[in-house]
């Protein structure tokens, strides 16, 4: 049984956010959207409007600094020989991890 989305349900593209551009754009405070926020906030209505303006501005900046990329572009396929070697090594890696010393160390590090 396979868990998760089927191949037909998987998104073909995903958004790739360029965080450096987002950061630089958010540092710019002299924008028309932000200039709408009053300096003296006197009521809960003013607070709601300011929050809405900030949320809208941040959403717009993130959207403008994002691009759609194919889902597989971040994870290029490894050569077949490397994948075969990794599959062959997997049981040995699991066996090495499950030694008594490693299990006791893992239990000790999980205790708070």
PDB file of N, CA and C in Angstrom:
ATOM      1  N   UNK A   1       0.842  -1.176   0.000  1.00  0.00           N
ATOM      2  CA  UNK A   1       0.000   0.000   0.000  1.00  0.00           C
ATOM      3  C   UNK A   1       0.885   1.236   0.000  1.00  0.00           C
ATOM      4  N   UNK A   2       0.562   2.189  -0.829  1.00  0.00           N
ATOM      5  CA  UNK A   2       1.349   3.403  -0.945  1.00  0.00           C
ATOM      6  C   UNK A   2       0.622   4.539  -0.238  1.00  0.00           C
ATOM      7  N   UNK A   3       1.334   5.229   0.633  1.00  0.00           N
ATOM      8  CA  UNK A   3       0.763   6.377   1.319  1.00  0.00           C
ATOM      9  C   UNK A   3       1.134   7.645   0.582  1.00  0.00           C
ATOM     10  N   UNK A   4       0.348   8.669   0.775  1.00  0.00           N
ATOM     11  CA  UNK A   4       0.642   9.948   0.136  1.00  0.00           C
ATOM     12  C   UNK A   4      -0.047  10.057  -1.206  1.00  0.00           C
ATOM     13  N   UNK A   5       0.195  11.163  -1.891  1.00  0.00           N
ATOM     14  CA  UNK A   5      -0.491  11.384  -3.164  1.00  0.00           C
ATOM     15  C   UNK A   5       0.011  10.436  -4.243  1.00  0.00           C
ATOM     16  N   UNK A   6      -0.877  10.101  -5.139  1.00  0.00           N
ATOM     17  CA  UNK A   6      -0.479   9.301  -6.289  1.00  0.00           C
ATOM     18  C   UNK A   6       0.251  10.199  -7.258  1.00  0.00           C
ATOM     19  N   UNK A   7       0.862   9.603  -8.254  1.00  0.00           N
ATOM     20  CA  UNK A   7       1.636  10.399  -9.203  1.00  0.00           C
ATOM     21  C   UNK A   7       0.756  11.412  -9.936  1.00  0.00           C
ATOM     22  N   UNK A   8      -0.536  11.112 -10.088  1.00  0.00           N
ATOM     23  CA  UNK A   8      -1.432  12.043 -10.768  1.00  0.00           C
ATOM     24  C   UNK A   8      -1.773  13.244  -9.886  1.00  0.00           C
ATOM     25  N   UNK A   9      -1.698  13.062  -8.547  1.00  0.00           N
ATOM     26  CA  UNK A   9      -2.055  14.132  -7.622  1.00  0.00           C
ATOM     27  C   UNK A   9      -0.890  15.046  -7.290  1.00  0.00           C
ATOM     28  N   UNK A  10       0.309  14.647  -7.608  1.00  0.00           N
ATOM     29  CA  UNK A  10       1.481  15.437  -7.229  1.00  0.00           C
ATOM     30  C   UNK A  10       1.537  16.714  -8.045  1.00  0.00           C
ATOM     31  N   UNK A  11       1.907  17.815  -7.396  1.00  0.00           N
ATOM     32  CA  UNK A  11       2.044  19.058  -8.154  1.00  0.00           C
ATOM     33  C   UNK A  11       3.239  18.972  -9.095  1.00  0.00           C
ATOM     34  N   UNK A  12       3.082  19.513 -10.260  1.00  0.00           N
ATOM     35  CA  UNK A  12       4.161  19.489 -11.250  1.00  0.00           C
ATOM     36  C   UNK A  12       5.172  20.608 -10.979  1.00  0.00           C
ATOM     37  N   UNK A  13       4.697  21.695 -10.393  1.00  0.00           N
ATOM     38  CA  UNK A  13       5.554  22.841 -10.114  1.00  0.00           C
ATOM     39  C   UNK A  13       5.440  23.209  -8.646  1.00  0.00           C
ATOM     40  N   UNK A  14       6.434  23.927  -8.159  1.00  0.00           N
ATOM     41  CA  UNK A  14       6.353  24.467  -6.816  1.00  0.00           C
ATOM     42  C   UNK A  14       6.956  25.861  -6.848  1.00  0.00           C
ATOM     43  N   UNK A  15       6.613  26.658  -5.846  1.00  0.00           N
ATOM     44  CA  UNK A  15       7.156  28.000  -5.774  1.00  0.00           C
ATOM     45  C   UNK A  15       8.530  27.952  -5.131  1.00  0.00           C
ATOM     46  N   UNK A  16       9.469  28.645  -5.744  1.00  0.00           N
ATOM     47  CA  UNK A  16      10.818  28.764  -5.198  1.00  0.00           C
ATOM     48  C   UNK A  16      10.976  30.218  -4.779  1.00  0.00           C
ATOM     49  N   UNK A  17      11.093  30.434  -3.469  1.00  0.00           N
ATOM     50  CA  UNK A  17      11.193  31.795  -2.954  1.00  0.00           C
ATOM     51  C   UNK A  17      12.658  32.196  -2.871  1.00  0.00           C
ATOM     52  N   UNK A  18      12.976  33.339  -3.434  1.00  0.00           N
ATOM     53  CA  UNK A  18      14.335  33.855  -3.369  1.00  0.00           C
ATOM     54  C   UNK A  18      14.407  34.741  -2.131  1.00  0.00           C
ATOM     55  N   UNK A  19      14.799  34.120  -1.003  1.00  0.00           N
ATOM     56  CA  UNK A  19      14.703  34.771   0.298  1.00  0.00           C
ATOM     57  C   UNK A  19      15.556  36.018   0.406  1.00  0.00           C
ATOM     58  N   UNK A  20      16.685  36.069  -0.275  1.00  0.00           N
ATOM     59  CA  UNK A  20      17.513  37.275  -0.219  1.00  0.00           C
ATOM     60  C   UNK A  20      16.778  38.452  -0.849  1.00  0.00           C
ATOM     61  N   UNK A  21      16.104  38.216  -1.975  1.00  0.00           N
ATOM     62  CA  UNK A  21      15.325  39.277  -2.613  1.00  0.00           C
ATOM     63  C   UNK A  21      14.156  39.706  -1.728  1.00  0.00           C
ATOM     64  N   UNK A  22      13.508  38.730  -1.075  1.00  0.00           N
ATOM     65  CA  UNK A  22      12.396  39.038  -0.175  1.00  0.00           C
ATOM     66  C   UNK A  22      12.893  39.920   0.959  1.00  0.00           C
ATOM     67  N   UNK A  23      14.015  39.563   1.547  1.00  0.00           N
ATOM     68  CA  UNK A  23      14.573  40.316   2.658  1.00  0.00           C
ATOM     69  C   UNK A  23      14.893  41.751   2.252  1.00  0.00           C
ATOM     70  N   UNK A  24      15.530  41.912   1.106  1.00  0.00           N
ATOM     71  CA  UNK A  24      15.883  43.255   0.625  1.00  0.00           C
ATOM     72  C   UNK A  24      14.624  44.063   0.351  1.00  0.00           C
ATOM     73  N   UNK A  25      13.629  43.441  -0.273  1.00  0.00           N
ATOM     74  CA  UNK A  25      12.385  44.155  -0.593  1.00  0.00           C
ATOM     75  C   UNK A  25      11.638  44.555   0.668  1.00  0.00           C
ATOM     76  N   UNK A  26      11.665  43.719   1.708  1.00  0.00           N
ATOM     77  CA  UNK A  26      10.960  44.059   2.943  1.00  0.00           C
ATOM     78  C   UNK A  26      11.684  45.139   3.743  1.00  0.00           C
ATOM     79  N   UNK A  27      12.987  45.301   3.518  1.00  0.00           N
ATOM     80  CA  UNK A  27      13.724  46.356   4.215  1.00  0.00           C
ATOM     81  C   UNK A  27      13.355  47.743   3.693  1.00  0.00           C
ATOM     82  N   UNK A  28      12.851  47.804   2.478  1.00  0.00           N
ATOM     83  CA  UNK A  28      12.451  49.082   1.901  1.00  0.00           C
ATOM     84  C   UNK A  28      11.140  49.519   2.554  1.00  0.00           C
ATOM     85  N   UNK A  29      11.210  50.587   3.331  1.00  0.00           N
ATOM     86  CA  UNK A  29      10.027  50.996   4.081  1.00  0.00           C
ATOM     87  C   UNK A  29       9.276  52.150   3.442  1.00  0.00           C
ATOM     88  N   UNK A  30       9.884  52.803   2.463  1.00  0.00           N
ATOM     89  CA  UNK A  30       9.215  53.929   1.822  1.00  0.00           C
ATOM     90  C   UNK A  30       8.455  53.443   0.596  1.00  0.00           C
ATOM     91  N   UNK A  31       7.382  52.722   0.849  1.00  0.00           N
ATOM     92  CA  UNK A  31       6.554  52.206  -0.240  1.00  0.00           C
ATOM     93  C   UNK A  31       5.148  52.780  -0.082  1.00  0.00           C
ATOM     94  N   UNK A  32       4.424  52.945  -1.183  1.00  0.00           N
ATOM     95  CA  UNK A  32       3.064  53.488  -1.089  1.00  0.00           C
ATOM     96  C   UNK A  32       2.163  52.682  -0.154  1.00  0.00           C
ATOM     97  N   UNK A  33       2.301  51.357  -0.174  1.00  0.00           N
ATOM     98  CA  UNK A  33       1.441  50.526   0.678  1.00  0.00           C
ATOM     99  C   UNK A  33       1.703  50.809   2.155  1.00  0.00           C
ATOM    100  N   UNK A  34       2.961  50.896   2.529  1.00  0.00           N
ATOM    101  CA  UNK A  34       3.288  51.117   3.938  1.00  0.00           C
ATOM    102  C   UNK A  34       3.041  52.562   4.368  1.00  0.00           C
ATOM    103  N   UNK A  35       3.086  53.480   3.419  1.00  0.00           N
ATOM    104  CA  UNK A  35       2.827  54.885   3.755  1.00  0.00           C
ATOM    105  C   UNK A  35       1.365  55.129   4.114  1.00  0.00           C
ATOM    106  N   UNK A  36       0.484  54.175   3.776  1.00  0.00           N
ATOM    107  CA  UNK A  36      -0.934  54.296   4.125  1.00  0.00           C
ATOM    108  C   UNK A  36      -1.185  54.072   5.614  1.00  0.00           C
ATOM    109  N   UNK A  37      -0.255  53.410   6.294  1.00  0.00           N
ATOM    110  CA  UNK A  37      -0.431  53.122   7.718  1.00  0.00           C
ATOM    111  C   UNK A  37      -0.206  54.411   8.500  1.00  0.00           C
ATOM    112  N   UNK A  38      -1.173  54.818   9.313  1.00  0.00           N
ATOM    113  CA  UNK A  38      -1.010  56.063  10.072  1.00  0.00           C
ATOM    114  C   UNK A  38       0.061  55.920  11.164  1.00  0.00           C
ATOM    115  N   UNK A  39       0.695  57.037  11.497  1.00  0.00           N
ATOM    116  CA  UNK A  39       1.697  57.033  12.558  1.00  0.00           C
ATOM    117  C   UNK A  39       1.053  56.877  13.930  1.00  0.00           C
ATOM    118  N   UNK A  40      -0.124  57.432  14.093  1.00  0.00           N
ATOM    119  CA  UNK A  40      -0.841  57.338  15.362  1.00  0.00           C
ATOM    120  C   UNK A  40      -2.016  56.385  15.203  1.00  0.00           C
ATOM    121  N   UNK A  41      -1.869  55.212  15.751  1.00  0.00           N
ATOM    122  CA  UNK A  41      -2.942  54.219  15.698  1.00  0.00           C
ATOM    123  C   UNK A  41      -3.762  54.392  16.971  1.00  0.00           C
ATOM    124  N   UNK A  42      -5.041  54.749  16.774  1.00  0.00           N
ATOM    125  CA  UNK A  42      -5.866  55.119  17.912  1.00  0.00           C
ATOM    126  C   UNK A  42      -7.001  54.149  18.216  1.00  0.00           C
ATOM    127  N   UNK A  43      -7.304  53.260  17.312  1.00  0.00           N
ATOM    128  CA  UNK A  43      -8.444  52.376  17.544  1.00  0.00           C
ATOM    129  C   UNK A  43      -8.130  50.961  17.066  1.00  0.00           C
ATOM    130  N   UNK A  44      -8.984  50.046  17.452  1.00  0.00           N
ATOM    131  CA  UNK A  44      -8.809  48.664  16.988  1.00  0.00           C
ATOM    132  C   UNK A  44      -9.012  48.578  15.479  1.00  0.00           C
ATOM    133  N   UNK A  45      -9.822  49.459  14.933  1.00  0.00           N
ATOM    134  CA  UNK A  45     -10.018  49.512  13.486  1.00  0.00           C
ATOM    135  C   UNK A  45      -8.710  49.906  12.805  1.00  0.00           C
ATOM    136  N   UNK A  46      -7.977  50.858  13.385  1.00  0.00           N
ATOM    137  CA  UNK A  46      -6.675  51.251  12.838  1.00  0.00           C
ATOM    138  C   UNK A  46      -5.689  50.082  12.899  1.00  0.00           C
ATOM    139  N   UNK A  47      -5.745  49.329  14.006  1.00  0.00           N
ATOM    140  CA  UNK A  47      -4.865  48.166  14.151  1.00  0.00           C
ATOM    141  C   UNK A  47      -5.195  47.134  13.074  1.00  0.00           C
ATOM    142  N   UNK A  48      -6.480  46.844  12.882  1.00  0.00           N
ATOM    143  CA  UNK A  48      -6.897  45.884  11.862  1.00  0.00           C
ATOM    144  C   UNK A  48      -6.454  46.320  10.470  1.00  0.00           C
ATOM    145  N   UNK A  49      -6.606  47.611  10.182  1.00  0.00           N
ATOM    146  CA  UNK A  49      -6.190  48.126   8.870  1.00  0.00           C
ATOM    147  C   UNK A  49      -4.676  48.015   8.690  1.00  0.00           C
ATOM    148  N   UNK A  50      -3.916  48.326   9.737  1.00  0.00           N
ATOM    149  CA  UNK A  50      -2.462  48.246   9.656  1.00  0.00           C
ATOM    150  C   UNK A  50      -2.011  46.792   9.438  1.00  0.00           C
ATOM    151  N   UNK A  51      -2.633  45.874  10.170  1.00  0.00           N
ATOM    152  CA  UNK A  51      -2.292  44.453  10.004  1.00  0.00           C
ATOM    153  C   UNK A  51      -2.634  43.986   8.596  1.00  0.00           C
ATOM    154  N   UNK A  52      -3.792  44.379   8.100  1.00  0.00           N
ATOM    155  CA  UNK A  52      -4.183  44.010   6.742  1.00  0.00           C
ATOM    156  C   UNK A  52      -3.228  44.560   5.703  1.00  0.00           C
ATOM    157  N   UNK A  53      -2.806  45.820   5.883  1.00  0.00           N
ATOM    158  CA  UNK A  53      -1.870  46.444   4.946  1.00  0.00           C
ATOM    159  C   UNK A  53      -0.521  45.732   4.968  1.00  0.00           C
ATOM    160  N   UNK A  54      -0.024  45.443   6.178  1.00  0.00           N
ATOM    161  CA  UNK A  54       1.262  44.740   6.293  1.00  0.00           C
ATOM    162  C   UNK A  54       1.190  43.339   5.691  1.00  0.00           C
ATOM    163  N   UNK A  55       0.113  42.624   5.976  1.00  0.00           N
ATOM    164  CA  UNK A  55      -0.054  41.278   5.441  1.00  0.00           C
ATOM    165  C   UNK A  55      -0.107  41.305   3.918  1.00  0.00           C
ATOM    166  N   UNK A  56      -0.850  42.240   3.377  1.00  0.00           N
ATOM    167  CA  UNK A  56      -0.959  42.366   1.926  1.00  0.00           C
ATOM    168  C   UNK A  56       0.398  42.707   1.308  1.00  0.00           C
ATOM    169  N   UNK A  57       1.137  43.607   1.947  1.00  0.00           N
ATOM    170  CA  UNK A  57       2.449  44.012   1.439  1.00  0.00           C
ATOM    171  C   UNK A  57       3.422  42.825   1.449  1.00  0.00           C
ATOM    172  N   UNK A  58       3.465  42.093   2.554  1.00  0.00           N
ATOM    173  CA  UNK A  58       4.383  40.955   2.656  1.00  0.00           C
ATOM    174  C   UNK A  58       4.017  39.887   1.638  1.00  0.00           C
ATOM    175  N   UNK A  59       2.724  39.617   1.482  1.00  0.00           N
ATOM    176  CA  UNK A  59       2.271  38.624   0.502  1.00  0.00           C
ATOM    177  C   UNK A  59       2.695  39.025  -0.902  1.00  0.00           C
ATOM    178  N   UNK A  60       2.536  40.300  -1.240  1.00  0.00           N
ATOM    179  CA  UNK A  60       2.901  40.793  -2.568  1.00  0.00           C
ATOM    180  C   UNK A  60       4.405  40.691  -2.796  1.00  0.00           C
ATOM    181  N   UNK A  61       5.203  41.036  -1.773  1.00  0.00           N
ATOM    182  CA  UNK A  61       6.661  40.964  -1.905  1.00  0.00           C
ATOM    183  C   UNK A  61       7.109  39.526  -2.121  1.00  0.00           C
ATOM    184  N   UNK A  62       6.578  38.604  -1.324  1.00  0.00           N
ATOM    185  CA  UNK A  62       6.962  37.194  -1.468  1.00  0.00           C
ATOM    186  C   UNK A  62       6.562  36.673  -2.847  1.00  0.00           C
ATOM    187  N   UNK A  63       5.384  37.028  -3.292  1.00  0.00           N
ATOM    188  CA  UNK A  63       4.919  36.581  -4.615  1.00  0.00           C
ATOM    189  C   UNK A  63       5.811  37.136  -5.723  1.00  0.00           C
ATOM    190  N   UNK A  64       6.201  38.409  -5.611  1.00  0.00           N
ATOM    191  CA  UNK A  64       7.049  39.028  -6.637  1.00  0.00           C
ATOM    192  C   UNK A  64       8.469  38.452  -6.637  1.00  0.00           C
ATOM    193  N   UNK A  65       8.899  37.912  -5.521  1.00  0.00           N
ATOM    194  CA  UNK A  65      10.250  37.357  -5.413  1.00  0.00           C
ATOM    195  C   UNK A  65      10.254  35.835  -5.539  1.00  0.00           C
ATOM    196  N   UNK A  66       9.190  35.280  -6.066  1.00  0.00           N
ATOM    197  CA  UNK A  66       9.077  33.828  -6.214  1.00  0.00           C
ATOM    198  C   UNK A  66       8.997  33.478  -7.687  1.00  0.00           C
ATOM    199  N   UNK A  67       9.346  32.257  -7.950  1.00  0.00           N
ATOM    200  CA  UNK A  67       9.192  31.756  -9.315  1.00  0.00           C
ATOM    201  C   UNK A  67       8.783  30.302  -9.247  1.00  0.00           C
ATOM    202  N   UNK A  68       8.051  29.868 -10.233  1.00  0.00           N
ATOM    203  CA  UNK A  68       7.635  28.465 -10.286  1.00  0.00           C
ATOM    204  C   UNK A  68       8.757  27.655 -10.918  1.00  0.00           C
ATOM    205  N   UNK A  69       9.053  26.543 -10.275  1.00  0.00           N
ATOM    206  CA  UNK A  69      10.070  25.635 -10.806  1.00  0.00           C
ATOM    207  C   UNK A  69       9.485  24.230 -10.823  1.00  0.00           C
ATOM    208  N   UNK A  70       9.928  23.396 -11.747  1.00  0.00           N
ATOM    209  CA  UNK A  70       9.460  22.006 -11.742  1.00  0.00           C
ATOM    210  C   UNK A  70       9.848  21.338 -10.428  1.00  0.00           C
ATOM    211  N   UNK A  71       9.003  20.454  -9.950  1.00  0.00           N
ATOM    212  CA  UNK A  71       9.231  19.798  -8.661  1.00  0.00           C
ATOM    213  C   UNK A  71      10.565  19.076  -8.640  1.00  0.00           C
ATOM    214  N   UNK A  72      10.953  18.439  -9.707  1.00  0.00           N
ATOM    215  CA  UNK A  72      12.180  17.643  -9.726  1.00  0.00           C
ATOM    216  C   UNK A  72      13.446  18.466  -9.885  1.00  0.00           C
ATOM    217  N   UNK A  73      13.352  19.766 -10.130  1.00  0.00           N
ATOM    218  CA  UNK A  73      14.550  20.534 -10.436  1.00  0.00           C
ATOM    219  C   UNK A  73      15.487  20.664  -9.248  1.00  0.00           C
ATOM    220  N   UNK A  74      14.971  20.623  -8.013  1.00  0.00           N
ATOM    221  CA  UNK A  74      15.835  20.744  -6.839  1.00  0.00           C
ATOM    222  C   UNK A  74      16.539  19.428  -6.519  1.00  0.00           C
ATOM    223  N   UNK A  75      16.063  18.334  -7.060  1.00  0.00           N
ATOM    224  CA  UNK A  75      16.601  17.026  -6.736  1.00  0.00           C
ATOM    225  C   UNK A  75      16.970  16.287  -8.019  1.00  0.00           C
ATOM    226  N   UNK A  76      18.116  16.612  -8.586  1.00  0.00           N
ATOM    227  CA  UNK A  76      18.485  15.904  -9.802  1.00  0.00           C
ATOM    228  C   UNK A  76      18.721  14.430  -9.503  1.00  0.00           C
ATOM    229  N   UNK A  77      18.418  13.591 -10.465  1.00  0.00           N
ATOM    230  CA  UNK A  77      18.600  12.149 -10.276  1.00  0.00           C
ATOM    231  C   UNK A  77      20.084  11.824 -10.235  1.00  0.00           C
ATOM    232  N   UNK A  78      20.403  10.934  -9.331  1.00  0.00           N
ATOM    233  CA  UNK A  78      21.769  10.444  -9.260  1.00  0.00           C
ATOM    234  C   UNK A  78      21.985   9.434 -10.377  1.00  0.00           C
ATOM    235  N   UNK A  79      23.234   9.254 -10.774  1.00  0.00           N
ATOM    236  CA  UNK A  79      23.511   8.228 -11.788  1.00  0.00           C
ATOM    237  C   UNK A  79      23.059   6.855 -11.290  1.00  0.00           C
ATOM    238  N   UNK A  80      22.693   6.000 -12.220  1.00  0.00           N
ATOM    239  CA  UNK A  80      22.184   4.668 -11.878  1.00  0.00           C
ATOM    240  C   UNK A  80      23.187   3.885 -11.036  1.00  0.00           C
ATOM    241  N   UNK A  81      24.474   4.032 -11.326  1.00  0.00           N
ATOM    242  CA  UNK A  81      25.487   3.282 -10.566  1.00  0.00           C
ATOM    243  C   UNK A  81      25.510   3.726  -9.101  1.00  0.00           C
ATOM    244  N   UNK A  82      25.301   5.017  -8.856  1.00  0.00           N
ATOM    245  CA  UNK A  82      25.295   5.527  -7.483  1.00  0.00           C
ATOM    246  C   UNK A  82      24.047   5.040  -6.749  1.00  0.00           C
ATOM    247  N   UNK A  83      22.895   5.082  -7.421  1.00  0.00           N
ATOM    248  CA  UNK A  83      21.657   4.589  -6.795  1.00  0.00           C
ATOM    249  C   UNK A  83      21.774   3.113  -6.445  1.00  0.00           C
ATOM    250  N   UNK A  84      22.378   2.333  -7.344  1.00  0.00           N
ATOM    251  CA  UNK A  84      22.564   0.903  -7.105  1.00  0.00           C
ATOM    252  C   UNK A  84      23.477   0.683  -5.902  1.00  0.00           C
ATOM    253  N   UNK A  85      24.538   1.447  -5.809  1.00  0.00           N
ATOM    254  CA  UNK A  85      25.465   1.333  -4.683  1.00  0.00           C
ATOM    255  C   UNK A  85      24.787   1.713  -3.371  1.00  0.00           C
ATOM    256  N   UNK A  86      23.968   2.757  -3.387  1.00  0.00           N
ATOM    257  CA  UNK A  86      23.256   3.181  -2.176  1.00  0.00           C
ATOM    258  C   UNK A  86      22.269   2.109  -1.725  1.00  0.00           C
ATOM    259  N   UNK A  87      21.569   1.495  -2.662  1.00  0.00           N
ATOM    260  CA  UNK A  87      20.638   0.412  -2.300  1.00  0.00           C
ATOM    261  C   UNK A  87      21.388  -0.766  -1.698  1.00  0.00           C
ATOM    262  N   UNK A  88      22.555  -1.063  -2.252  1.00  0.00           N
ATOM    263  CA  UNK A  88      23.348  -2.182  -1.734  1.00  0.00           C
ATOM    264  C   UNK A  88      23.880  -1.877  -0.329  1.00  0.00           C
ATOM    265  N   UNK A  89      24.181  -0.632  -0.046  1.00  0.00           N
ATOM    266  CA  UNK A  89      24.754  -0.252   1.252  1.00  0.00           C
ATOM    267  C   UNK A  89      23.691  -0.051   2.328  1.00  0.00           C
ATOM    268  N   UNK A  90      22.451   0.144   1.943  1.00  0.00           N
ATOM    269  CA  UNK A  90      21.398   0.485   2.894  1.00  0.00           C
ATOM    270  C   UNK A  90      21.250  -0.514   4.043  1.00  0.00           C
ATOM    271  N   UNK A  91      21.232  -1.831   3.804  1.00  0.00           N
ATOM    272  CA  UNK A  91      21.097  -2.760   4.930  1.00  0.00           C
ATOM    273  C   UNK A  91      22.267  -2.662   5.906  1.00  0.00           C
ATOM    274  N   UNK A  92      23.473  -2.450   5.387  1.00  0.00           N
ATOM    275  CA  UNK A  92      24.643  -2.354   6.254  1.00  0.00           C
ATOM    276  C   UNK A  92      24.606  -1.081   7.091  1.00  0.00           C
ATOM    277  N   UNK A  93      24.118   0.003   6.513  1.00  0.00           N
ATOM    278  CA  UNK A  93      23.998   1.253   7.263  1.00  0.00           C
ATOM    279  C   UNK A  93      22.979   1.094   8.381  1.00  0.00           C
ATOM    280  N   UNK A  94      21.862   0.449   8.089  1.00  0.00           N
ATOM    281  CA  UNK A  94      20.844   0.225   9.124  1.00  0.00           C
ATOM    282  C   UNK A  94      21.387  -0.663  10.231  1.00  0.00           C
ATOM    283  N   UNK A  95      22.171  -1.656   9.858  1.00  0.00           N
ATOM    284  CA  UNK A  95      22.756  -2.556  10.852  1.00  0.00           C
ATOM    285  C   UNK A  95      23.767  -1.802  11.714  1.00  0.00           C
ATOM    286  N   UNK A  96      24.555  -0.928  11.119  1.00  0.00           N
ATOM    287  CA  UNK A  96      25.544  -0.161  11.875  1.00  0.00           C
ATOM    288  C   UNK A  96      24.875   0.796  12.841  1.00  0.00           C
ATOM    289  N   UNK A  97      23.753   1.359  12.447  1.00  0.00           N
ATOM    290  CA  UNK A  97      23.037   2.305  13.294  1.00  0.00           C
ATOM    291  C   UNK A  97      22.420   1.597  14.487  1.00  0.00           C
ATOM    292  N   UNK A  98      21.997   0.355  14.300  1.00  0.00           N
ATOM    293  CA  UNK A  98      21.248  -0.323  15.351  1.00  0.00           C
ATOM    294  C   UNK A  98      22.127  -1.142  16.304  1.00  0.00           C
ATOM    295  N   UNK A  99      23.379  -0.740  16.506  1.00  0.00           N
ATOM    296  CA  UNK A  99      24.227  -1.427  17.482  1.00  0.00           C
ATOM    297  C   UNK A  99      23.765  -1.060  18.886  1.00  0.00           C
ATOM    298  N   UNK A 100      24.013  -1.911  19.882  1.00  0.00           N
ATOM    299  CA  UNK A 100      23.588  -1.599  21.259  1.00  0.00           C
ATOM    300  C   UNK A 100      24.130  -0.261  21.757  1.00  0.00           C
ATOM    301  N   UNK A 101      25.376   0.048  21.425  1.00  0.00           N
ATOM    302  CA  UNK A 101      25.961   1.321  21.879  1.00  0.00           C
ATOM    303  C   UNK A 101      25.215   2.505  21.282  1.00  0.00           C
ATOM    304  N   UNK A 102      24.885   2.424  20.000  1.00  0.00           N
ATOM    305  CA  UNK A 102      24.156   3.514  19.357  1.00  0.00           C
ATOM    306  C   UNK A 102      22.747   3.649  19.913  1.00  0.00           C
ATOM    307  N   UNK A 103      22.090   2.516  20.207  1.00  0.00           N
ATOM    308  CA  UNK A 103      20.736   2.575  20.761  1.00  0.00           C
ATOM    309  C   UNK A 103      20.743   3.233  22.128  1.00  0.00           C
ATOM    310  N   UNK A 104      21.721   2.890  22.982  1.00  0.00           N
ATOM    311  CA  UNK A 104      21.757   3.495  24.317  1.00  0.00           C
ATOM    312  C   UNK A 104      22.091   4.976  24.215  1.00  0.00           C
ATOM    313  N   UNK A 105      22.952   5.336  23.284  1.00  0.00           N
ATOM    314  CA  UNK A 105      23.268   6.764  23.092  1.00  0.00           C
ATOM    315  C   UNK A 105      22.028   7.512  22.610  1.00  0.00           C
ATOM    316  N   UNK A 106      21.263   6.913  21.689  1.00  0.00           N
ATOM    317  CA  UNK A 106      20.053   7.550  21.169  1.00  0.00           C
ATOM    318  C   UNK A 106      19.022   7.718  22.292  1.00  0.00           C
ATOM    319  N   UNK A 107      18.875   6.685  23.144  1.00  0.00           N
ATOM    320  CA  UNK A 107      17.942   6.800  24.258  1.00  0.00           C
ATOM    321  C   UNK A 107      18.362   7.897  25.220  1.00  0.00           C
ATOM    322  N   UNK A 108      19.666   7.980  25.495  1.00  0.00           N
ATOM    323  CA  UNK A 108      20.180   8.999  26.427  1.00  0.00           C
ATOM    324  C   UNK A 108      19.978  10.399  25.868  1.00  0.00           C
ATOM    325  N   UNK A 109      20.143  10.578  24.573  1.00  0.00           N
ATOM    326  CA  UNK A 109      19.987  11.921  23.999  1.00  0.00           C
ATOM    327  C   UNK A 109      18.531  12.329  23.887  1.00  0.00           C
ATOM    328  N   UNK A 110      17.593  11.368  23.922  1.00  0.00           N
ATOM    329  CA  UNK A 110      16.167  11.701  23.850  1.00  0.00           C
ATOM    330  C   UNK A 110      15.567  11.997  25.209  1.00  0.00           C
ATOM    331  N   UNK A 111      16.292  11.699  26.291  1.00  0.00           N
ATOM    332  CA  UNK A 111      15.787  11.957  27.635  1.00  0.00           C
ATOM    333  C   UNK A 111      15.934  13.441  27.931  1.00  0.00           C
ATOM    334  N   UNK A 112      14.853  14.049  28.447  1.00  0.00           N
ATOM    335  CA  UNK A 112      14.914  15.494  28.717  1.00  0.00           C
ATOM    336  C   UNK A 112      14.994  15.768  30.186  1.00  0.00           C
TER     337      UNK A 112
END
